[in-house]
């Protein structure tokens, strides 16, 4: 069973009939009439509606393949995060020492005498 509701966007729901709900209990829907009286309608069937996905989902095989590749994927964000964590572990003083050791010394301008 399909149900379509249209608001500003259309939503589609798939309904499945739930069996055995009315075996041990009785359910009624009450509506109030304009004159103030209530009408009761017995519930004969129970449906659970679930919204249908608008995007493509992975099959079981595709999901297994992606799960296997989860540790192999390297992106720029993870590289920069690891670099930042290493810099934080070393501390700000270590960065200054590296700059002095690895950097070129500037020559003073001007000649002798």
C-alpha atoms as a PDB file:
ATOM      1  CA  UNK A   1       0.000   0.000   0.000  1.00  0.00           C
ATOM      2  CA  UNK A   2       1.360   3.432  -0.938  1.00  0.00           C
ATOM      3  CA  UNK A   3       0.312   6.775   0.487  1.00  0.00           C
ATOM      4  CA  UNK A   4       1.269  10.094  -1.086  1.00  0.00           C
ATOM      5  CA  UNK A   5       0.988  13.350   0.819  1.00  0.00           C
ATOM      6  CA  UNK A   6       1.740  16.606  -0.943  1.00  0.00           C
ATOM      7  CA  UNK A   7       2.721  19.665   1.049  1.00  0.00           C
ATOM      8  CA  UNK A   8       5.330  21.986  -0.407  1.00  0.00           C
ATOM      9  CA  UNK A   9       7.191  18.762  -1.325  1.00  0.00           C
ATOM     10  CA  UNK A  10       5.682  15.367  -2.087  1.00  0.00           C
ATOM     11  CA  UNK A  11       6.275  12.613   0.427  1.00  0.00           C
ATOM     12  CA  UNK A  12       5.716   8.936  -0.325  1.00  0.00           C
ATOM     13  CA  UNK A  13       5.111   6.355   2.360  1.00  0.00           C
ATOM     14  CA  UNK A  14       5.029   2.592   2.127  1.00  0.00           C
ATOM     15  CA  UNK A  15       2.492   0.883   4.358  1.00  0.00           C
ATOM     16  CA  UNK A  16       2.621  -2.664   5.642  1.00  0.00           C
ATOM     17  CA  UNK A  17      -0.323  -4.302   7.330  1.00  0.00           C
ATOM     18  CA  UNK A  18       0.381  -5.297  10.897  1.00  0.00           C
ATOM     19  CA  UNK A  19      -1.394  -8.519  11.782  1.00  0.00           C
ATOM     20  CA  UNK A  20      -2.661  -9.547  15.182  1.00  0.00           C
ATOM     21  CA  UNK A  21      -3.164  -6.051  16.593  1.00  0.00           C
ATOM     22  CA  UNK A  22      -6.914  -6.437  17.092  1.00  0.00           C
ATOM     23  CA  UNK A  23      -6.818 -10.004  18.482  1.00  0.00           C
ATOM     24  CA  UNK A  24      -6.548  -9.098  22.173  1.00  0.00           C
ATOM     25  CA  UNK A  25      -7.926  -5.559  22.114  1.00  0.00           C
ATOM     26  CA  UNK A  26     -10.475  -3.397  20.336  1.00  0.00           C
ATOM     27  CA  UNK A  27      -9.520  -0.069  18.848  1.00  0.00           C
ATOM     28  CA  UNK A  28     -11.914   2.704  17.805  1.00  0.00           C
ATOM     29  CA  UNK A  29     -11.532   6.037  16.088  1.00  0.00           C
ATOM     30  CA  UNK A  30     -13.724   8.767  17.520  1.00  0.00           C
ATOM     31  CA  UNK A  31     -14.758  11.799  15.508  1.00  0.00           C
ATOM     32  CA  UNK A  32     -16.777  14.716  16.760  1.00  0.00           C
ATOM     33  CA  UNK A  33     -19.677  15.881  14.620  1.00  0.00           C
ATOM     34  CA  UNK A  34     -20.616  19.569  14.238  1.00  0.00           C
ATOM     35  CA  UNK A  35     -23.558  19.090  16.625  1.00  0.00           C
ATOM     36  CA  UNK A  36     -21.209  17.880  19.390  1.00  0.00           C
ATOM     37  CA  UNK A  37     -22.005  14.173  19.181  1.00  0.00           C
ATOM     38  CA  UNK A  38     -19.257  11.575  18.770  1.00  0.00           C
ATOM     39  CA  UNK A  39     -19.153   8.815  16.169  1.00  0.00           C
ATOM     40  CA  UNK A  40     -17.085   5.695  16.815  1.00  0.00           C
ATOM     41  CA  UNK A  41     -15.556   3.598  14.017  1.00  0.00           C
ATOM     42  CA  UNK A  42     -13.949   0.224  14.788  1.00  0.00           C
ATOM     43  CA  UNK A  43     -10.413  -0.349  13.521  1.00  0.00           C
ATOM     44  CA  UNK A  44     -10.289  -3.490  11.383  1.00  0.00           C
ATOM     45  CA  UNK A  45      -6.731  -3.264  10.115  1.00  0.00           C
ATOM     46  CA  UNK A  46      -3.512  -1.643  11.320  1.00  0.00           C
ATOM     47  CA  UNK A  47      -0.878  -0.258   8.940  1.00  0.00           C
ATOM     48  CA  UNK A  48       2.607   0.984   9.702  1.00  0.00           C
ATOM     49  CA  UNK A  49       3.741   3.666   7.270  1.00  0.00           C
ATOM     50  CA  UNK A  50       7.430   4.306   6.616  1.00  0.00           C
ATOM     51  CA  UNK A  51       8.705   7.172   4.421  1.00  0.00           C
ATOM     52  CA  UNK A  52      10.420   6.001   1.253  1.00  0.00           C
ATOM     53  CA  UNK A  53      14.002   7.138   0.712  1.00  0.00           C
ATOM     54  CA  UNK A  54      14.490   9.672  -2.076  1.00  0.00           C
ATOM     55  CA  UNK A  55      18.179   8.804  -2.464  1.00  0.00           C
ATOM     56  CA  UNK A  56      19.829   5.690  -3.792  1.00  0.00           C
ATOM     57  CA  UNK A  57      20.908   3.233  -1.127  1.00  0.00           C
ATOM     58  CA  UNK A  58      23.753   0.719  -1.318  1.00  0.00           C
ATOM     59  CA  UNK A  59      23.139  -2.953  -1.899  1.00  0.00           C
ATOM     60  CA  UNK A  60      24.573  -5.463   0.570  1.00  0.00           C
ATOM     61  CA  UNK A  61      27.534  -6.171  -1.723  1.00  0.00           C
ATOM     62  CA  UNK A  62      28.276  -2.474  -2.261  1.00  0.00           C
ATOM     63  CA  UNK A  63      28.082  -1.820   1.478  1.00  0.00           C
ATOM     64  CA  UNK A  64      30.556  -4.625   2.206  1.00  0.00           C
ATOM     65  CA  UNK A  65      32.962  -3.240  -0.398  1.00  0.00           C
ATOM     66  CA  UNK A  66      32.766   0.287   1.038  1.00  0.00           C
ATOM     67  CA  UNK A  67      33.187  -1.041   4.584  1.00  0.00           C
ATOM     68  CA  UNK A  68      36.368  -2.820   3.501  1.00  0.00           C
ATOM     69  CA  UNK A  69      37.795   0.408   2.037  1.00  0.00           C
ATOM     70  CA  UNK A  70      37.006   2.565   5.100  1.00  0.00           C
ATOM     71  CA  UNK A  71      40.594   2.580   6.432  1.00  0.00           C
ATOM     72  CA  UNK A  72      42.205   3.086   3.020  1.00  0.00           C
ATOM     73  CA  UNK A  73      40.499   6.383   2.266  1.00  0.00           C
ATOM     74  CA  UNK A  74      42.822   9.317   2.882  1.00  0.00           C
ATOM     75  CA  UNK A  75      41.551  12.814   2.469  1.00  0.00           C
ATOM     76  CA  UNK A  76      42.997  16.260   2.980  1.00  0.00           C
ATOM     77  CA  UNK A  77      41.049  16.852   6.192  1.00  0.00           C
ATOM     78  CA  UNK A  78      42.513  13.806   7.961  1.00  0.00           C
ATOM     79  CA  UNK A  79      46.054  14.685   6.833  1.00  0.00           C
ATOM     80  CA  UNK A  80      45.761  18.256   8.134  1.00  0.00           C
ATOM     81  CA  UNK A  81      44.208  17.019  11.396  1.00  0.00           C
ATOM     82  CA  UNK A  82      47.085  14.593  11.993  1.00  0.00           C
ATOM     83  CA  UNK A  83      49.598  17.355  11.244  1.00  0.00           C
ATOM     84  CA  UNK A  84      47.885  19.706  13.700  1.00  0.00           C
ATOM     85  CA  UNK A  85      47.836  17.032  16.417  1.00  0.00           C
ATOM     86  CA  UNK A  86      51.562  16.361  15.946  1.00  0.00           C
ATOM     87  CA  UNK A  87      52.302  20.082  16.231  1.00  0.00           C
ATOM     88  CA  UNK A  88      50.257  20.319  19.419  1.00  0.00           C
ATOM     89  CA  UNK A  89      52.101  17.356  20.955  1.00  0.00           C
ATOM     90  CA  UNK A  90      55.502  18.896  20.222  1.00  0.00           C
ATOM     91  CA  UNK A  91      54.541  22.270  21.626  1.00  0.00           C
ATOM     92  CA  UNK A  92      55.142  25.799  20.338  1.00  0.00           C
ATOM     93  CA  UNK A  93      58.831  25.905  21.450  1.00  0.00           C
ATOM     94  CA  UNK A  94      59.797  23.032  19.149  1.00  0.00           C
ATOM     95  CA  UNK A  95      58.474  24.878  16.109  1.00  0.00           C
ATOM     96  CA  UNK A  96      60.782  27.845  16.793  1.00  0.00           C
ATOM     97  CA  UNK A  97      63.852  25.603  17.066  1.00  0.00           C
ATOM     98  CA  UNK A  98      63.062  23.934  13.766  1.00  0.00           C
ATOM     99  CA  UNK A  99      62.788  27.341  12.124  1.00  0.00           C
ATOM    100  CA  UNK A 100      66.256  28.300  13.378  1.00  0.00           C
ATOM    101  CA  UNK A 101      67.908  25.036  12.348  1.00  0.00           C
ATOM    102  CA  UNK A 102      66.294  24.558   8.984  1.00  0.00           C
ATOM    103  CA  UNK A 103      66.014  28.165   7.875  1.00  0.00           C
ATOM    104  CA  UNK A 104      68.621  30.025   5.845  1.00  0.00           C
ATOM    105  CA  UNK A 105      70.547  32.744   7.566  1.00  0.00           C
ATOM    106  CA  UNK A 106      70.191  36.175   6.109  1.00  0.00           C
ATOM    107  CA  UNK A 107      73.343  37.876   5.010  1.00  0.00           C
ATOM    108  CA  UNK A 108      73.983  41.374   6.178  1.00  0.00           C
ATOM    109  CA  UNK A 109      74.107  43.895   3.448  1.00  0.00           C
ATOM    110  CA  UNK A 110      76.932  46.266   3.203  1.00  0.00           C
ATOM    111  CA  UNK A 111      80.571  45.886   2.373  1.00  0.00           C
ATOM    112  CA  UNK A 112      83.702  46.137   4.445  1.00  0.00           C
ATOM    113  CA  UNK A 113      85.312  49.335   5.095  1.00  0.00           C
END
